[in-house]
Amino acid sequence: MGAPRCGRRRGLAWLMCLALFAFGFNPARAATHELGFSRSVTQGLVEYFSARFGEGSRRRIGDWQGFVRSVPAEQRAGSNLEQVRLVRAIATEQRQRSGNDLELLSSVNSFFNDVSYVSDRTQWGTDDYWASPAEMLASNGADCEDFSIAKYFALKELGVPIERLRITYVKAVRLNQAHMVLAYYPSPTGEPLILDNLEHWVRPASERTDLVPVYSFNDEDVLLARQGRPDTRAGSSSQIRLWRALLDKLEKELQY
């Protein structure tokens, strides 16, 4: 597997504290519809990132925009994504599943996983920094939060309803550290598929016994995971300080 691609070697108790206490108390707000989308990147933002991270950032942002545009219309979510059928073995799943759901998820997972892993401390000089998708690609570096966030916004842009997507904090058991993945739910009670920067393959959660969910969120709410019981709603995602800061950053990016 190589070097860990998240970098926080803390136990589950720390994750629970993060889930419970990393919230602010500003009033909930609705996110702008196209924040974080590749088509929302302004030319001014491209020039800003080019000056900050080098000319390569221009190409990487262009590659992102080209990737989103290249996804065929029939793969862009909605009715085809309803056809998800989970099977027990990943090899059988990969052979038998012809639905566009897995193709879409896998292509998004693979595209962003090509970005280099760099810890927040190394790249940003702080222990916890959530980069915007454009910032991630411009800088050509990301940790697990950045990978998950970029995939979330890309799938939203490609038409996946947000109720099917949950950015999920987990404990990575084998690495004994906090980690973040993106979960896709084919139905409200269906088994999620996991998009993870640690793995090339998109696999059902039941095959990821190395991950213990702690809490998850999307644009609408936060859910705390409970072992063997339904998840519990814990408020609005706007209460998460770093998520709120990310949305603020995305709004500012529109102004370049």
Protein backbone atom coordinates (compact mmCIF):
# COMPACT_ATOMS: atom_id res chain seq x y z
CA MET A 1 0.00 0.00 0.00
CA GLY A 2 2.93 2.32 0.59
CA ALA A 3 2.83 5.38 2.81
CA PRO A 4 -0.43 6.14 4.63
CA ARG A 5 -2.60 8.47 2.58
CA CYS A 6 -4.38 10.29 5.35
CA GLY A 7 -1.87 10.78 8.11
CA ARG A 8 -3.70 11.12 11.43
CA ARG A 9 -2.70 8.33 13.78
CA ARG A 10 -5.33 8.80 16.44
CA GLY A 11 -7.85 6.42 17.92
CA LEU A 12 -11.60 6.17 17.67
CA ALA A 13 -12.10 8.21 20.84
CA TRP A 14 -10.41 11.19 19.18
CA LEU A 15 -12.66 10.77 16.16
CA MET A 16 -15.75 10.84 18.35
CA CYS A 17 -14.52 14.02 19.99
CA LEU A 18 -14.02 15.52 16.55
CA ALA A 19 -17.52 14.48 15.56
CA LEU A 20 -19.04 16.04 18.65
CA PHE A 21 -16.96 19.16 19.19
CA ALA A 22 -15.74 20.36 15.77
CA PHE A 23 -19.02 22.20 15.29
CA GLY A 24 -19.59 25.92 15.34
CA PHE A 25 -22.85 27.62 16.09
CA ASN A 26 -23.51 29.92 13.16
CA PRO A 27 -27.02 29.69 11.72
CA ALA A 28 -27.47 27.02 9.07
CA ARG A 29 -27.18 28.23 5.51
CA ALA A 30 -27.84 26.80 2.09
CA ALA A 31 -24.80 26.18 -0.08
CA THR A 32 -24.73 27.90 -3.45
CA HIS A 33 -25.85 25.36 -6.04
CA GLU A 34 -22.67 25.18 -8.09
CA LEU A 35 -19.99 25.87 -5.51
CA GLY A 36 -17.00 23.62 -6.10
CA PHE A 37 -17.98 22.67 -9.65
CA SER A 38 -15.39 22.61 -12.42
CA ARG A 39 -17.57 24.85 -14.57
CA SER A 40 -17.62 27.48 -11.82
CA VAL A 41 -13.87 28.10 -12.02
CA THR A 42 -13.23 31.62 -13.29
CA GLN A 43 -10.33 32.64 -15.50
CA GLY A 44 -9.20 34.93 -12.71
CA LEU A 45 -8.97 31.97 -10.33
CA VAL A 46 -6.91 30.03 -12.88
CA GLU A 47 -4.51 32.96 -13.17
CA TYR A 48 -4.30 33.27 -9.38
CA PHE A 49 -3.47 29.59 -8.93
CA SER A 50 -1.02 29.68 -11.84
CA ALA A 51 0.91 32.47 -10.13
CA ARG A 52 0.75 30.67 -6.79
CA PHE A 53 1.43 27.04 -7.78
CA GLY A 54 3.05 27.30 -11.20
CA GLU A 55 1.93 26.90 -14.78
CA GLY A 56 1.15 23.22 -14.24
CA SER A 57 -1.92 24.24 -12.26
CA ARG A 58 -3.50 25.61 -15.43
CA ARG A 59 -3.22 22.21 -17.13
CA ARG A 60 -4.47 20.28 -14.10
CA ILE A 61 -7.56 22.46 -13.73
CA GLY A 62 -8.15 22.09 -17.48
CA ASP A 63 -7.85 18.31 -17.15
CA TRP A 64 -10.50 18.37 -14.41
CA GLN A 65 -12.87 20.44 -16.53
CA GLY A 66 -12.22 18.19 -19.51
CA PHE A 67 -12.83 15.06 -17.45
CA VAL A 68 -16.23 16.29 -16.25
CA ARG A 69 -17.24 17.29 -19.78
CA SER A 70 -16.11 13.91 -21.14
CA VAL A 71 -18.51 11.85 -19.04
CA PRO A 72 -21.29 10.69 -21.41
CA ALA A 73 -24.74 12.10 -20.76
CA GLU A 74 -26.16 8.64 -20.08
CA GLN A 75 -23.68 8.19 -17.23
CA ARG A 76 -24.44 11.47 -15.53
CA ALA A 77 -26.76 10.08 -12.87
CA GLY A 78 -30.44 9.74 -12.25
CA SER A 79 -32.22 6.71 -13.67
CA ASN A 80 -29.12 4.65 -14.41
CA LEU A 81 -27.80 5.10 -10.90
CA GLU A 82 -31.03 3.55 -9.62
CA GLN A 83 -29.94 0.23 -11.09
CA VAL A 84 -27.18 -0.44 -8.58
CA ARG A 85 -27.11 -4.10 -7.52
CA LEU A 86 -24.48 -5.03 -4.98
CA VAL A 87 -22.97 -8.51 -5.18
CA ARG A 88 -20.82 -10.35 -2.68
CA ALA A 89 -17.49 -10.64 -4.43
CA ILE A 90 -15.81 -7.61 -5.91
CA ALA A 91 -14.43 -9.61 -8.84
CA THR A 92 -17.90 -10.86 -9.73
CA GLU A 93 -19.25 -7.37 -9.23
CA GLN A 94 -16.70 -5.85 -11.58
CA ARG A 95 -17.44 -8.46 -14.27
CA GLN A 96 -21.22 -8.52 -14.02
CA ARG A 97 -22.16 -4.94 -13.27
CA SER A 98 -22.76 -3.16 -16.54
CA GLY A 99 -24.72 -0.29 -15.03
CA ASN A 100 -23.35 3.19 -15.45
CA ASP A 101 -23.35 3.76 -11.69
CA LEU A 102 -20.15 1.84 -11.03
CA GLU A 103 -18.52 3.19 -14.18
CA LEU A 104 -19.22 6.73 -13.05
CA LEU A 105 -18.06 6.18 -9.48
CA SER A 106 -14.93 4.35 -10.58
CA SER A 107 -13.95 6.97 -13.13
CA VAL A 108 -14.33 9.78 -10.59
CA ASN A 109 -12.43 7.81 -7.95
CA SER A 110 -9.57 7.06 -10.35
CA PHE A 111 -9.33 10.58 -11.71
CA PHE A 112 -8.82 12.22 -8.33
CA ASN A 113 -6.67 9.40 -6.92
CA ASP A 114 -4.03 10.37 -9.49
CA VAL A 115 -3.35 13.51 -7.44
CA SER A 116 -0.31 13.14 -5.18
CA TYR A 117 -0.88 12.52 -1.50
CA VAL A 118 0.64 15.29 0.64
CA SER A 119 -0.11 15.82 4.32
CA ASP A 120 -1.69 19.07 5.46
CA ARG A 121 1.30 19.84 7.63
CA THR A 122 3.67 19.50 4.67
CA GLN A 123 1.52 21.30 2.14
CA TRP A 124 -0.30 23.95 4.17
CA GLY A 125 1.67 24.19 7.41
CA THR A 126 -1.28 23.18 9.58
CA ASP A 127 -2.67 19.93 10.91
CA ASP A 128 -6.12 20.21 9.35
CA TYR A 129 -6.88 22.09 6.13
CA TRP A 130 -9.71 21.37 3.71
CA ALA A 131 -8.78 22.43 0.19
CA SER A 132 -11.31 23.28 -2.47
CA PRO A 133 -11.33 20.97 -5.53
CA ALA A 134 -9.70 23.68 -7.65
CA GLU A 135 -7.09 24.36 -4.97
CA MET A 136 -6.36 20.65 -4.63
CA LEU A 137 -5.77 20.20 -8.34
CA ALA A 138 -3.86 23.44 -8.77
CA SER A 139 -1.46 22.53 -5.96
CA ASN A 140 -1.26 18.86 -7.08
CA GLY A 141 -1.47 17.64 -3.49
CA ALA A 142 -4.18 16.32 -1.22
CA ASP A 143 -4.93 14.33 1.88
CA CYS A 144 -7.94 12.10 2.51
CA GLU A 145 -10.36 14.95 3.24
CA ASP A 146 -9.43 16.73 0.02
CA PHE A 147 -9.86 13.58 -2.07
CA SER A 148 -13.30 12.89 -0.56
CA ILE A 149 -14.49 16.48 -0.93
CA ALA A 150 -13.37 16.73 -4.56
CA LYS A 151 -15.16 13.48 -5.45
CA TYR A 152 -18.29 14.69 -3.67
CA PHE A 153 -18.45 17.91 -5.68
CA ALA A 154 -17.61 16.13 -8.94
CA LEU A 155 -20.43 13.62 -8.52
CA LYS A 156 -22.82 16.44 -7.61
CA GLU A 157 -21.79 18.25 -10.78
CA LEU A 158 -22.43 15.05 -12.74
CA GLY A 159 -25.96 14.91 -11.42
CA VAL A 160 -25.82 12.55 -8.45
CA PRO A 161 -28.40 13.65 -5.83
CA ILE A 162 -26.76 14.74 -2.59
CA GLU A 163 -28.93 12.35 -0.56
CA ARG A 164 -26.91 9.52 -2.12
CA LEU A 165 -23.56 11.01 -1.15
CA ARG A 166 -22.03 11.20 2.32
CA ILE A 167 -18.53 12.35 3.19
CA THR A 168 -17.64 9.89 5.92
CA TYR A 169 -15.10 9.99 8.73
CA VAL A 170 -13.87 6.53 9.64
CA LYS A 171 -11.19 4.85 11.66
CA ALA A 172 -8.82 3.03 9.30
CA VAL A 173 -8.20 -0.04 11.43
CA ARG A 174 -5.09 -1.39 9.70
CA LEU A 175 -3.46 2.04 9.73
CA ASN A 176 -4.80 2.88 13.22
CA GLN A 177 -5.63 6.41 12.19
CA ALA A 178 -8.47 8.71 11.30
CA HIS A 179 -9.43 8.69 7.65
CA MET A 180 -12.09 10.11 5.32
CA VAL A 181 -13.88 8.46 2.40
CA LEU A 182 -16.90 9.20 0.22
CA ALA A 183 -19.88 6.85 0.46
CA TYR A 184 -22.43 6.47 -2.33
CA TYR A 185 -25.84 5.04 -1.38
CA PRO A 186 -27.82 3.42 -4.23
CA SER A 187 -30.94 3.77 -2.08
CA PRO A 188 -31.68 5.23 1.38
CA THR A 189 -31.33 1.82 3.03
CA GLY A 190 -28.90 0.32 0.53
CA GLU A 191 -25.34 -0.74 1.23
CA PRO A 192 -22.99 2.10 0.28
CA LEU A 193 -20.15 1.90 -2.17
CA ILE A 194 -16.90 3.41 -0.90
CA LEU A 195 -14.69 5.79 -2.87
CA ASP A 196 -11.31 5.88 -1.14
CA ASN A 197 -7.95 7.38 -2.03
CA LEU A 198 -6.35 4.28 -0.47
CA GLU A 199 -7.89 1.99 -3.09
CA HIS A 200 -8.33 2.01 -6.84
CA TRP A 201 -11.46 -0.16 -6.70
CA VAL A 202 -14.83 1.15 -5.57
CA ARG A 203 -16.12 -1.54 -3.22
CA PRO A 204 -19.20 -2.18 -1.06
CA ALA A 205 -18.88 -1.14 2.57
CA SER A 206 -19.26 -4.78 3.68
CA GLU A 207 -15.95 -5.53 1.95
CA ARG A 208 -14.21 -2.66 3.73
CA THR A 209 -13.99 -4.22 7.17
CA ASP A 210 -10.83 -2.16 7.68
CA LEU A 211 -12.98 0.98 8.00
CA VAL A 212 -15.10 1.80 11.07
CA PRO A 213 -17.55 4.65 10.39
CA VAL A 214 -17.78 7.43 12.96
CA TYR A 215 -19.87 10.15 11.36
CA SER A 216 -20.90 11.36 7.93
CA PHE A 217 -22.27 14.49 6.33
CA ASN A 218 -23.37 16.11 3.10
CA ASP A 219 -24.82 19.51 2.22
CA GLU A 220 -27.83 18.86 4.40
CA ASP A 221 -26.98 17.14 7.66
CA VAL A 222 -24.59 15.24 9.93
CA LEU A 223 -25.20 11.65 11.00
CA LEU A 224 -23.40 9.91 13.86
CA ALA A 225 -22.73 6.22 13.23
CA ARG A 226 -24.01 3.75 15.80
CA GLN A 227 -22.77 0.16 15.75
CA GLY A 228 -25.61 -2.16 14.76
CA ARG A 229 -28.23 0.60 14.90
CA PRO A 230 -29.47 3.32 12.56
CA ASP A 231 -27.35 6.44 12.32
CA THR A 232 -28.47 9.40 14.42
CA ARG A 233 -28.96 12.88 13.00
CA ALA A 234 -26.71 15.40 14.78
CA GLY A 235 -27.68 18.68 13.15
CA SER A 236 -26.78 20.60 10.02
CA SER A 237 -23.47 20.26 8.20
CA SER A 238 -23.15 24.06 8.41
CA GLN A 239 -22.26 23.47 12.06
CA ILE A 240 -18.98 21.81 11.03
CA ARG A 241 -16.37 24.53 11.26
CA LEU A 242 -14.10 23.26 8.49
CA TRP A 243 -17.00 22.57 6.14
CA ARG A 244 -18.35 26.07 6.71
CA ALA A 245 -14.89 27.50 6.06
CA LEU A 246 -14.67 25.46 2.85
CA LEU A 247 -17.99 26.84 1.60
CA ASP A 248 -16.81 30.36 2.41
CA LYS A 249 -13.67 29.69 0.37
CA LEU A 250 -15.71 28.37 -2.55
CA GLU A 251 -17.83 31.50 -2.56
CA LYS A 252 -14.69 33.65 -2.60
CA GLU A 253 -13.29 31.66 -5.52
CA LEU A 254 -16.28 32.78 -7.60
CA GLN A 255 -15.15 36.39 -7.15
CA TYR A 256 -11.81 36.03 -8.94
